[in-house]
Amino acid sequence: MILAEMAILGGIALALIAQTPTSKTAPSLLHVSNTFEFNVRESQEQVAPLFGANRERVWAEGWDPQFVYPQPAEDRQGSVFHVKHGSHESTWITTIFAPEKGHIQHVYFIPDATAVLIDIHLSPAPHAGTHVQVRYERTALSAELNDHIRQQGEKDAKSAEEWRTAIETYFEKAAVHHGH
């Protein structure tokens, strides 16, 4: 009887071993963090709301978030929206929306591709206007995308002038439109 039980247990152990995947070292997934900073002439009160997904439409060319929540579209903490990235679609959540405190944060992800955190802090600039600091944290969710994540991170780090110019241009056009 003991031999039969041992044979059964041995058979179960062999079956479990056969079902256990062989351990392979998982490929390393890249994570990059890049920060850029710039100053704009306008006050924090004017600038901070422009980093909400809905208001960003006024200065970021091609930016067209499709709001899931809330309806109608409104910038607030907990907003959920989709954005097209070529043939992919990302799902975004505004995790912090406190323009009065100078802090806006968004998180988005593309399944099996990337997870991204965008953390924006605004403060009064030393002489006038607003200082903006933007931090992108990108994580590859597939090793095949490590190079893409690295390239996106390098692009992020060089985005200050593009963002500054787009925001200043928006305010210049708004002033002309309002006759200032």
N, C-alpha and C. Protein backbone atom coordinates (compact mmCIF):
# COMPACT_ATOMS: atom_id res chain seq x y z
N MET A 1 0.82 -1.18 0.00
CA MET A 1 0.00 0.00 0.00
C MET A 1 0.87 1.25 0.00
N ILE A 2 1.91 1.26 0.82
CA ILE A 2 2.79 2.42 0.89
C ILE A 2 3.46 2.62 -0.46
N LEU A 3 3.88 1.54 -1.11
CA LEU A 3 4.52 1.66 -2.42
C LEU A 3 3.53 2.24 -3.44
N ALA A 4 2.28 1.84 -3.36
CA ALA A 4 1.26 2.36 -4.29
C ALA A 4 1.05 3.86 -4.08
N GLU A 5 0.98 4.27 -2.79
CA GLU A 5 0.81 5.70 -2.50
C GLU A 5 2.01 6.49 -2.99
N MET A 6 3.22 5.94 -2.77
CA MET A 6 4.43 6.62 -3.22
C MET A 6 4.44 6.72 -4.74
N ALA A 7 3.99 5.69 -5.41
CA ALA A 7 3.93 5.72 -6.88
C ALA A 7 2.95 6.78 -7.36
N ILE A 8 1.81 6.87 -6.67
CA ILE A 8 0.81 7.88 -7.05
C ILE A 8 1.36 9.28 -6.82
N LEU A 9 1.96 9.49 -5.63
CA LEU A 9 2.55 10.81 -5.33
C LEU A 9 3.67 11.14 -6.31
N GLY A 10 4.49 10.14 -6.63
CA GLY A 10 5.56 10.36 -7.61
C GLY A 10 5.00 10.73 -8.97
N GLY A 11 3.91 10.05 -9.37
CA GLY A 11 3.26 10.37 -10.65
C GLY A 11 2.70 11.78 -10.65
N ILE A 12 2.09 12.17 -9.52
CA ILE A 12 1.55 13.54 -9.41
C ILE A 12 2.69 14.55 -9.50
N ALA A 13 3.79 14.27 -8.81
CA ALA A 13 4.94 15.18 -8.84
C ALA A 13 5.49 15.31 -10.25
N LEU A 14 5.62 14.20 -10.96
CA LEU A 14 6.11 14.26 -12.34
C LEU A 14 5.16 15.05 -13.23
N ALA A 15 3.86 14.87 -13.02
CA ALA A 15 2.87 15.60 -13.82
C ALA A 15 2.98 17.10 -13.55
N LEU A 16 3.17 17.46 -12.28
CA LEU A 16 3.31 18.88 -11.94
C LEU A 16 4.57 19.47 -12.55
N ILE A 17 5.66 18.72 -12.48
CA ILE A 17 6.92 19.20 -13.07
C ILE A 17 6.77 19.38 -14.57
N ALA A 18 6.09 18.43 -15.21
CA ALA A 18 5.90 18.52 -16.66
C ALA A 18 5.05 19.74 -17.03
N GLN A 19 4.13 20.14 -16.15
CA GLN A 19 3.27 21.29 -16.44
C GLN A 19 3.92 22.61 -16.09
N THR A 20 4.97 22.59 -15.27
CA THR A 20 5.63 23.82 -14.86
C THR A 20 6.48 24.32 -16.02
N PRO A 21 6.26 25.57 -16.44
CA PRO A 21 7.06 26.08 -17.55
C PRO A 21 8.53 26.14 -17.16
N THR A 22 9.38 25.89 -18.13
CA THR A 22 10.80 26.00 -17.84
C THR A 22 11.11 27.45 -17.55
N SER A 23 11.94 27.69 -16.59
CA SER A 23 12.20 29.08 -16.21
C SER A 23 13.19 29.68 -17.20
N LYS A 24 12.73 30.69 -17.86
CA LYS A 24 13.59 31.47 -18.75
C LYS A 24 13.68 32.86 -18.15
N THR A 25 14.78 33.49 -18.34
CA THR A 25 14.91 34.84 -17.86
C THR A 25 14.05 35.74 -18.73
N ALA A 26 13.12 36.43 -18.09
CA ALA A 26 12.24 37.34 -18.83
C ALA A 26 13.08 38.50 -19.36
N PRO A 27 12.78 38.94 -20.57
CA PRO A 27 13.53 40.07 -21.10
C PRO A 27 13.27 41.31 -20.26
N SER A 28 14.26 42.13 -20.13
CA SER A 28 14.15 43.35 -19.35
C SER A 28 13.26 44.36 -20.07
N LEU A 29 12.33 44.95 -19.34
CA LEU A 29 11.45 45.96 -19.90
C LEU A 29 11.97 47.34 -19.49
N LEU A 30 12.12 48.21 -20.45
CA LEU A 30 12.73 49.52 -20.22
C LEU A 30 11.77 50.47 -19.51
N HIS A 31 12.31 51.22 -18.57
CA HIS A 31 11.59 52.32 -17.90
C HIS A 31 12.48 53.55 -18.02
N VAL A 32 11.92 54.64 -18.52
CA VAL A 32 12.68 55.88 -18.61
C VAL A 32 11.90 57.01 -17.93
N SER A 33 12.64 57.93 -17.36
CA SER A 33 12.06 59.11 -16.73
C SER A 33 12.82 60.32 -17.26
N ASN A 34 12.05 61.28 -17.81
CA ASN A 34 12.66 62.49 -18.36
C ASN A 34 11.85 63.70 -17.93
N THR A 35 12.55 64.77 -17.63
CA THR A 35 11.91 66.00 -17.18
C THR A 35 12.36 67.15 -18.06
N PHE A 36 11.42 68.03 -18.36
CA PHE A 36 11.78 69.28 -19.02
C PHE A 36 11.07 70.42 -18.33
N GLU A 37 11.64 71.61 -18.47
CA GLU A 37 11.11 72.80 -17.80
C GLU A 37 11.14 73.98 -18.74
N PHE A 38 10.20 74.89 -18.53
CA PHE A 38 10.16 76.12 -19.31
C PHE A 38 9.36 77.17 -18.55
N ASN A 39 9.50 78.41 -18.97
CA ASN A 39 8.73 79.52 -18.39
C ASN A 39 7.85 80.13 -19.46
N VAL A 40 6.67 80.58 -19.05
CA VAL A 40 5.78 81.34 -19.93
C VAL A 40 5.46 82.66 -19.24
N ARG A 41 5.07 83.65 -20.03
CA ARG A 41 4.81 84.99 -19.50
C ARG A 41 3.55 85.08 -18.65
N GLU A 42 2.58 84.22 -18.93
CA GLU A 42 1.28 84.32 -18.29
C GLU A 42 1.29 83.76 -16.87
N SER A 43 0.26 84.13 -16.10
CA SER A 43 0.18 83.70 -14.70
C SER A 43 -0.18 82.22 -14.59
N GLN A 44 0.13 81.66 -13.45
CA GLN A 44 -0.21 80.26 -13.17
C GLN A 44 -1.72 80.07 -13.27
N GLU A 45 -2.49 81.03 -12.83
CA GLU A 45 -3.95 80.95 -12.91
C GLU A 45 -4.43 80.81 -14.35
N GLN A 46 -3.74 81.45 -15.28
CA GLN A 46 -4.09 81.36 -16.71
C GLN A 46 -3.57 80.07 -17.35
N VAL A 47 -2.38 79.67 -16.97
CA VAL A 47 -1.69 78.57 -17.64
C VAL A 47 -2.12 77.19 -17.14
N ALA A 48 -2.26 77.01 -15.85
CA ALA A 48 -2.50 75.67 -15.28
C ALA A 48 -3.70 74.94 -15.90
N PRO A 49 -4.84 75.60 -16.09
CA PRO A 49 -5.97 74.86 -16.67
C PRO A 49 -5.70 74.31 -18.07
N LEU A 50 -4.72 74.87 -18.78
CA LEU A 50 -4.42 74.42 -20.14
C LEU A 50 -3.81 73.02 -20.17
N PHE A 51 -3.46 72.46 -19.02
CA PHE A 51 -2.89 71.12 -18.98
C PHE A 51 -3.94 70.05 -18.69
N GLY A 52 -5.19 70.44 -18.58
CA GLY A 52 -6.28 69.47 -18.55
C GLY A 52 -6.50 68.99 -19.98
N ALA A 53 -6.94 67.77 -20.14
CA ALA A 53 -7.07 67.17 -21.48
C ALA A 53 -7.99 67.96 -22.40
N ASN A 54 -9.08 68.47 -21.88
CA ASN A 54 -10.03 69.19 -22.71
C ASN A 54 -9.47 70.55 -23.14
N ARG A 55 -8.91 71.30 -22.19
CA ARG A 55 -8.36 72.63 -22.51
C ARG A 55 -7.06 72.55 -23.31
N GLU A 56 -6.38 71.44 -23.25
CA GLU A 56 -5.14 71.30 -24.02
C GLU A 56 -5.40 71.40 -25.52
N ARG A 57 -6.63 71.12 -25.92
CA ARG A 57 -6.98 71.21 -27.34
C ARG A 57 -6.68 72.59 -27.93
N VAL A 58 -6.74 73.64 -27.10
CA VAL A 58 -6.58 75.01 -27.62
C VAL A 58 -5.14 75.33 -28.01
N TRP A 59 -4.17 74.59 -27.51
CA TRP A 59 -2.78 74.91 -27.82
C TRP A 59 -1.97 73.75 -28.40
N ALA A 60 -2.41 72.53 -28.22
CA ALA A 60 -1.63 71.37 -28.69
C ALA A 60 -2.20 70.88 -30.01
N GLU A 61 -1.51 71.19 -31.08
CA GLU A 61 -1.97 70.82 -32.42
C GLU A 61 -2.17 69.31 -32.54
N GLY A 62 -3.33 68.91 -33.05
CA GLY A 62 -3.62 67.51 -33.28
C GLY A 62 -4.15 66.77 -32.05
N TRP A 63 -4.19 67.44 -30.91
CA TRP A 63 -4.66 66.80 -29.67
C TRP A 63 -6.18 66.73 -29.71
N ASP A 64 -6.73 65.51 -29.66
CA ASP A 64 -8.17 65.34 -29.77
C ASP A 64 -8.66 64.20 -28.87
N PRO A 65 -8.63 64.41 -27.56
CA PRO A 65 -9.09 63.33 -26.67
C PRO A 65 -10.59 63.09 -26.81
N GLN A 66 -10.96 61.83 -26.74
CA GLN A 66 -12.38 61.44 -26.80
C GLN A 66 -12.80 61.02 -25.39
N PHE A 67 -13.60 61.88 -24.76
CA PHE A 67 -13.95 61.66 -23.36
C PHE A 67 -14.96 60.54 -23.19
N VAL A 68 -14.65 59.65 -22.25
CA VAL A 68 -15.56 58.61 -21.80
C VAL A 68 -16.34 59.17 -20.60
N TYR A 69 -15.59 59.82 -19.70
CA TYR A 69 -16.16 60.43 -18.50
C TYR A 69 -15.35 61.66 -18.18
N PRO A 70 -15.96 62.76 -17.82
CA PRO A 70 -17.40 63.01 -17.77
C PRO A 70 -17.94 63.39 -19.15
N GLN A 71 -19.22 63.39 -19.24
CA GLN A 71 -19.92 63.85 -20.44
C GLN A 71 -20.87 64.96 -20.01
N PRO A 72 -20.80 66.13 -20.62
CA PRO A 72 -19.84 66.52 -21.64
C PRO A 72 -18.42 66.62 -21.08
N ALA A 73 -17.45 66.67 -21.99
CA ALA A 73 -16.03 66.69 -21.61
C ALA A 73 -15.76 67.84 -20.65
N GLU A 74 -15.05 67.53 -19.60
CA GLU A 74 -14.68 68.53 -18.59
C GLU A 74 -13.38 68.09 -17.94
N ASP A 75 -12.49 69.04 -17.70
CA ASP A 75 -11.23 68.72 -17.03
C ASP A 75 -11.48 68.61 -15.53
N ARG A 76 -11.20 67.42 -15.02
CA ARG A 76 -11.32 67.18 -13.58
C ARG A 76 -10.58 65.91 -13.22
N GLN A 77 -10.26 65.78 -11.94
CA GLN A 77 -9.64 64.55 -11.46
C GLN A 77 -10.60 63.41 -11.71
N GLY A 78 -10.09 62.31 -12.23
CA GLY A 78 -10.92 61.15 -12.52
C GLY A 78 -11.45 61.12 -13.94
N SER A 79 -11.15 62.13 -14.75
CA SER A 79 -11.56 62.11 -16.16
C SER A 79 -10.94 60.90 -16.85
N VAL A 80 -11.71 60.30 -17.75
CA VAL A 80 -11.23 59.15 -18.52
C VAL A 80 -11.47 59.46 -19.99
N PHE A 81 -10.44 59.25 -20.82
CA PHE A 81 -10.57 59.55 -22.24
C PHE A 81 -9.63 58.69 -23.05
N HIS A 82 -9.91 58.62 -24.34
CA HIS A 82 -9.08 57.85 -25.28
C HIS A 82 -8.39 58.81 -26.23
N VAL A 83 -7.20 58.41 -26.67
CA VAL A 83 -6.44 59.18 -27.64
C VAL A 83 -5.86 58.21 -28.66
N LYS A 84 -5.98 58.55 -29.94
CA LYS A 84 -5.42 57.73 -31.03
C LYS A 84 -3.93 58.02 -31.15
N HIS A 85 -3.16 56.96 -31.31
CA HIS A 85 -1.71 57.04 -31.57
C HIS A 85 -1.46 56.19 -32.80
N GLY A 86 -1.65 56.74 -33.96
CA GLY A 86 -1.53 55.95 -35.18
C GLY A 86 -2.60 54.88 -35.20
N SER A 87 -2.18 53.62 -35.25
CA SER A 87 -3.15 52.52 -35.28
C SER A 87 -3.53 52.06 -33.88
N HIS A 88 -2.93 52.64 -32.85
CA HIS A 88 -3.21 52.25 -31.47
C HIS A 88 -4.08 53.29 -30.79
N GLU A 89 -4.76 52.86 -29.74
CA GLU A 89 -5.55 53.79 -28.94
C GLU A 89 -5.14 53.63 -27.49
N SER A 90 -4.89 54.76 -26.84
CA SER A 90 -4.52 54.72 -25.43
C SER A 90 -5.71 55.13 -24.59
N THR A 91 -5.72 54.63 -23.37
CA THR A 91 -6.73 55.02 -22.39
C THR A 91 -6.03 55.85 -21.33
N TRP A 92 -6.57 57.03 -21.08
CA TRP A 92 -5.99 58.00 -20.15
C TRP A 92 -6.90 58.20 -18.95
N ILE A 93 -6.28 58.51 -17.83
CA ILE A 93 -7.00 58.92 -16.62
C ILE A 93 -6.27 60.14 -16.07
N THR A 94 -7.03 61.18 -15.78
CA THR A 94 -6.46 62.33 -15.09
C THR A 94 -6.46 61.98 -13.61
N THR A 95 -5.30 61.69 -13.07
CA THR A 95 -5.20 61.24 -11.68
C THR A 95 -5.14 62.39 -10.69
N ILE A 96 -4.63 63.53 -11.13
CA ILE A 96 -4.62 64.74 -10.29
C ILE A 96 -4.99 65.92 -11.18
N PHE A 97 -5.97 66.68 -10.77
CA PHE A 97 -6.30 67.92 -11.46
C PHE A 97 -6.53 68.99 -10.42
N ALA A 98 -5.45 69.67 -10.06
CA ALA A 98 -5.48 70.72 -9.04
C ALA A 98 -4.76 71.95 -9.59
N PRO A 99 -5.34 72.60 -10.62
CA PRO A 99 -4.65 73.75 -11.21
C PRO A 99 -4.39 74.87 -10.20
N GLU A 100 -5.28 75.02 -9.22
CA GLU A 100 -5.10 76.05 -8.20
C GLU A 100 -3.87 75.79 -7.34
N LYS A 101 -3.42 74.52 -7.29
CA LYS A 101 -2.22 74.15 -6.55
C LYS A 101 -1.03 73.95 -7.49
N GLY A 102 -1.26 74.12 -8.79
CA GLY A 102 -0.19 73.97 -9.76
C GLY A 102 0.21 72.53 -9.99
N HIS A 103 -0.75 71.59 -9.94
CA HIS A 103 -0.40 70.18 -10.13
C HIS A 103 -1.46 69.48 -10.96
N ILE A 104 -1.02 68.93 -12.08
CA ILE A 104 -1.87 68.13 -12.96
C ILE A 104 -1.09 66.86 -13.28
N GLN A 105 -1.80 65.73 -13.28
CA GLN A 105 -1.13 64.47 -13.58
C GLN A 105 -2.07 63.58 -14.40
N HIS A 106 -1.51 62.98 -15.41
CA HIS A 106 -2.25 62.04 -16.25
C HIS A 106 -1.48 60.72 -16.30
N VAL A 107 -2.22 59.64 -16.43
CA VAL A 107 -1.64 58.31 -16.63
C VAL A 107 -2.33 57.71 -17.84
N TYR A 108 -1.55 57.12 -18.73
CA TYR A 108 -2.19 56.42 -19.84
C TYR A 108 -1.48 55.11 -20.12
N PHE A 109 -2.22 54.24 -20.81
CA PHE A 109 -1.57 53.01 -21.20
C PHE A 109 -2.17 52.47 -22.49
N ILE A 110 -1.30 51.80 -23.23
CA ILE A 110 -1.68 51.10 -24.45
C ILE A 110 -1.42 49.63 -24.16
N PRO A 111 -2.46 48.79 -24.17
CA PRO A 111 -2.28 47.38 -23.79
C PRO A 111 -1.13 46.72 -24.56
N ASP A 112 -0.33 45.97 -23.82
CA ASP A 112 0.81 45.22 -24.36
C ASP A 112 1.87 46.11 -25.01
N ALA A 113 1.82 47.41 -24.74
CA ALA A 113 2.78 48.32 -25.35
C ALA A 113 3.48 49.19 -24.30
N THR A 114 2.74 50.09 -23.66
CA THR A 114 3.38 51.05 -22.77
C THR A 114 2.44 51.54 -21.69
N ALA A 115 3.03 51.94 -20.57
CA ALA A 115 2.33 52.64 -19.50
C ALA A 115 3.10 53.94 -19.27
N VAL A 116 2.37 55.06 -19.16
CA VAL A 116 3.03 56.37 -19.09
C VAL A 116 2.39 57.22 -17.99
N LEU A 117 3.24 57.89 -17.23
CA LEU A 117 2.81 58.86 -16.24
C LEU A 117 3.33 60.22 -16.70
N ILE A 118 2.46 61.23 -16.71
CA ILE A 118 2.86 62.59 -17.03
C ILE A 118 2.51 63.45 -15.83
N ASP A 119 3.53 64.01 -15.19
CA ASP A 119 3.34 64.78 -13.96
C ASP A 119 3.77 66.22 -14.21
N ILE A 120 2.83 67.15 -14.05
CA ILE A 120 3.06 68.55 -14.38
C ILE A 120 2.94 69.40 -13.12
N HIS A 121 3.99 70.21 -12.86
CA HIS A 121 3.99 71.12 -11.71
C HIS A 121 4.21 72.53 -12.22
N LEU A 122 3.41 73.45 -11.71
CA LEU A 122 3.53 74.86 -12.08
C LEU A 122 3.78 75.68 -10.82
N SER A 123 4.59 76.73 -10.98
CA SER A 123 4.89 77.63 -9.86
C SER A 123 5.21 78.99 -10.45
N PRO A 124 5.14 80.04 -9.61
CA PRO A 124 5.51 81.36 -10.13
C PRO A 124 6.96 81.35 -10.60
N ALA A 125 7.20 81.95 -11.77
CA ALA A 125 8.57 82.07 -12.29
C ALA A 125 9.30 83.13 -11.47
N PRO A 126 10.63 83.10 -11.43
CA PRO A 126 11.39 84.03 -10.59
C PRO A 126 11.06 85.52 -10.79
N HIS A 127 10.88 85.96 -12.02
CA HIS A 127 10.66 87.40 -12.23
C HIS A 127 9.22 87.72 -12.58
N ALA A 128 8.58 86.86 -13.32
CA ALA A 128 7.17 87.04 -13.69
C ALA A 128 6.73 85.81 -14.48
N GLY A 129 5.45 85.61 -14.57
CA GLY A 129 4.94 84.49 -15.34
C GLY A 129 4.93 83.20 -14.55
N THR A 130 5.03 82.09 -15.28
CA THR A 130 4.88 80.76 -14.67
C THR A 130 6.01 79.83 -15.10
N HIS A 131 6.50 79.10 -14.13
CA HIS A 131 7.50 78.06 -14.38
C HIS A 131 6.74 76.74 -14.49
N VAL A 132 7.01 75.97 -15.55
CA VAL A 132 6.34 74.70 -15.78
C VAL A 132 7.39 73.60 -15.80
N GLN A 133 7.14 72.55 -15.02
CA GLN A 133 8.01 71.38 -15.00
C GLN A 133 7.16 70.17 -15.38
N VAL A 134 7.61 69.42 -16.38
CA VAL A 134 6.87 68.26 -16.88
C VAL A 134 7.78 67.04 -16.78
N ARG A 135 7.28 66.00 -16.12
CA ARG A 135 8.03 64.75 -16.00
C ARG A 135 7.24 63.64 -16.68
N TYR A 136 7.89 62.96 -17.60
CA TYR A 136 7.33 61.78 -18.27
C TYR A 136 8.03 60.55 -17.71
N GLU A 137 7.26 59.57 -17.30
CA GLU A 137 7.78 58.26 -16.92
C GLU A 137 7.15 57.26 -17.87
N ARG A 138 7.96 56.59 -18.65
CA ARG A 138 7.47 55.62 -19.64
C ARG A 138 8.01 54.24 -19.31
N THR A 139 7.13 53.25 -19.40
CA THR A 139 7.53 51.86 -19.16
C THR A 139 7.06 51.01 -20.32
N ALA A 140 7.98 50.25 -20.88
CA ALA A 140 7.62 49.30 -21.95
C ALA A 140 6.88 48.12 -21.32
N LEU A 141 5.83 47.67 -21.98
CA LEU A 141 5.11 46.48 -21.53
C LEU A 141 5.43 45.28 -22.41
N SER A 142 6.33 45.50 -23.36
CA SER A 142 6.81 44.45 -24.25
C SER A 142 8.26 44.78 -24.59
N ALA A 143 9.14 43.80 -24.50
CA ALA A 143 10.56 44.04 -24.77
C ALA A 143 10.81 44.55 -26.18
N GLU A 144 9.94 44.18 -27.12
CA GLU A 144 10.09 44.64 -28.50
C GLU A 144 9.94 46.16 -28.60
N LEU A 145 9.36 46.78 -27.59
CA LEU A 145 9.14 48.23 -27.63
C LEU A 145 10.18 49.03 -26.83
N ASN A 146 11.20 48.36 -26.30
CA ASN A 146 12.22 49.07 -25.53
C ASN A 146 12.84 50.21 -26.32
N ASP A 147 13.20 49.97 -27.59
CA ASP A 147 13.83 51.03 -28.39
C ASP A 147 12.86 52.20 -28.60
N HIS A 148 11.61 51.89 -28.85
CA HIS A 148 10.60 52.95 -29.03
C HIS A 148 10.46 53.78 -27.75
N ILE A 149 10.45 53.13 -26.60
CA ILE A 149 10.33 53.83 -25.32
C ILE A 149 11.56 54.72 -25.11
N ARG A 150 12.72 54.21 -25.44
CA ARG A 150 13.96 55.01 -25.32
C ARG A 150 13.88 56.25 -26.22
N GLN A 151 13.43 56.07 -27.47
CA GLN A 151 13.31 57.20 -28.39
C GLN A 151 12.27 58.21 -27.91
N GLN A 152 11.14 57.72 -27.41
CA GLN A 152 10.11 58.62 -26.88
C GLN A 152 10.65 59.41 -25.70
N GLY A 153 11.41 58.76 -24.84
CA GLY A 153 12.01 59.44 -23.69
C GLY A 153 12.97 60.53 -24.12
N GLU A 154 13.77 60.25 -25.14
CA GLU A 154 14.69 61.26 -25.66
C GLU A 154 13.92 62.45 -26.24
N LYS A 155 12.83 62.16 -26.94
CA LYS A 155 11.98 63.22 -27.49
C LYS A 155 11.34 64.04 -26.36
N ASP A 156 10.85 63.34 -25.32
CA ASP A 156 10.25 64.04 -24.18
C ASP A 156 11.22 65.08 -23.60
N ALA A 157 12.46 64.66 -23.40
CA ALA A 157 13.45 65.52 -22.77
C ALA A 157 13.70 66.80 -23.56
N LYS A 158 13.38 66.78 -24.86
CA LYS A 158 13.62 67.94 -25.73
C LYS A 158 12.35 68.72 -26.05
N SER A 159 11.28 68.50 -25.31
CA SER A 159 9.97 69.08 -25.65
C SER A 159 9.70 70.47 -25.09
N ALA A 160 10.56 70.98 -24.25
CA ALA A 160 10.30 72.25 -23.58
C ALA A 160 9.98 73.38 -24.56
N GLU A 161 10.82 73.57 -25.54
CA GLU A 161 10.63 74.71 -26.46
C GLU A 161 9.34 74.55 -27.27
N GLU A 162 9.04 73.34 -27.70
CA GLU A 162 7.81 73.09 -28.45
C GLU A 162 6.58 73.44 -27.62
N TRP A 163 6.54 73.00 -26.38
CA TRP A 163 5.40 73.29 -25.50
C TRP A 163 5.32 74.78 -25.19
N ARG A 164 6.46 75.40 -24.86
CA ARG A 164 6.48 76.82 -24.52
C ARG A 164 5.96 77.65 -25.69
N THR A 165 6.46 77.37 -26.87
CA THR A 165 6.05 78.11 -28.07
C THR A 165 4.56 77.93 -28.34
N ALA A 166 4.06 76.72 -28.25
CA ALA A 166 2.64 76.46 -28.51
C ALA A 166 1.75 77.20 -27.52
N ILE A 167 2.13 77.22 -26.25
CA ILE A 167 1.33 77.91 -25.24
C ILE A 167 1.40 79.42 -25.44
N GLU A 168 2.59 79.97 -25.67
CA GLU A 168 2.72 81.41 -25.90
C GLU A 168 1.95 81.84 -27.16
N THR A 169 2.01 81.04 -28.21
CA THR A 169 1.27 81.34 -29.44
C THR A 169 -0.23 81.35 -29.17
N TYR A 170 -0.70 80.41 -28.39
CA TYR A 170 -2.13 80.40 -28.03
C TYR A 170 -2.52 81.71 -27.35
N PHE A 171 -1.74 82.15 -26.37
CA PHE A 171 -2.07 83.38 -25.65
C PHE A 171 -1.96 84.61 -26.55
N GLU A 172 -0.99 84.63 -27.47
CA GLU A 172 -0.87 85.75 -28.41
C GLU A 172 -2.09 85.83 -29.32
N LYS A 173 -2.54 84.69 -29.84
CA LYS A 173 -3.72 84.66 -30.70
C LYS A 173 -4.97 85.05 -29.92
N ALA A 174 -5.07 84.60 -28.68
CA ALA A 174 -6.23 84.94 -27.85
C ALA A 174 -6.27 86.43 -27.58
N ALA A 175 -5.10 87.06 -27.37
CA ALA A 175 -5.04 88.51 -27.11
C ALA A 175 -5.47 89.28 -28.35
N VAL A 176 -5.02 88.84 -29.53
CA VAL A 176 -5.40 89.51 -30.78
C VAL A 176 -6.90 89.34 -31.00
N HIS A 177 -7.39 88.16 -30.75
CA HIS A 177 -8.82 87.88 -30.95
C HIS A 177 -9.69 88.75 -30.02
N HIS A 178 -9.18 88.99 -28.82
CA HIS A 178 -9.94 89.80 -27.86
C HIS A 178 -9.58 91.28 -27.92
N GLY A 179 -8.76 91.64 -28.92
CA GLY A 179 -8.44 93.06 -29.15
C GLY A 179 -7.51 93.68 -28.14
N HIS A 180 -6.62 92.89 -27.55
CA HIS A 180 -5.67 93.45 -26.57
C HIS A 180 -4.38 93.79 -27.22
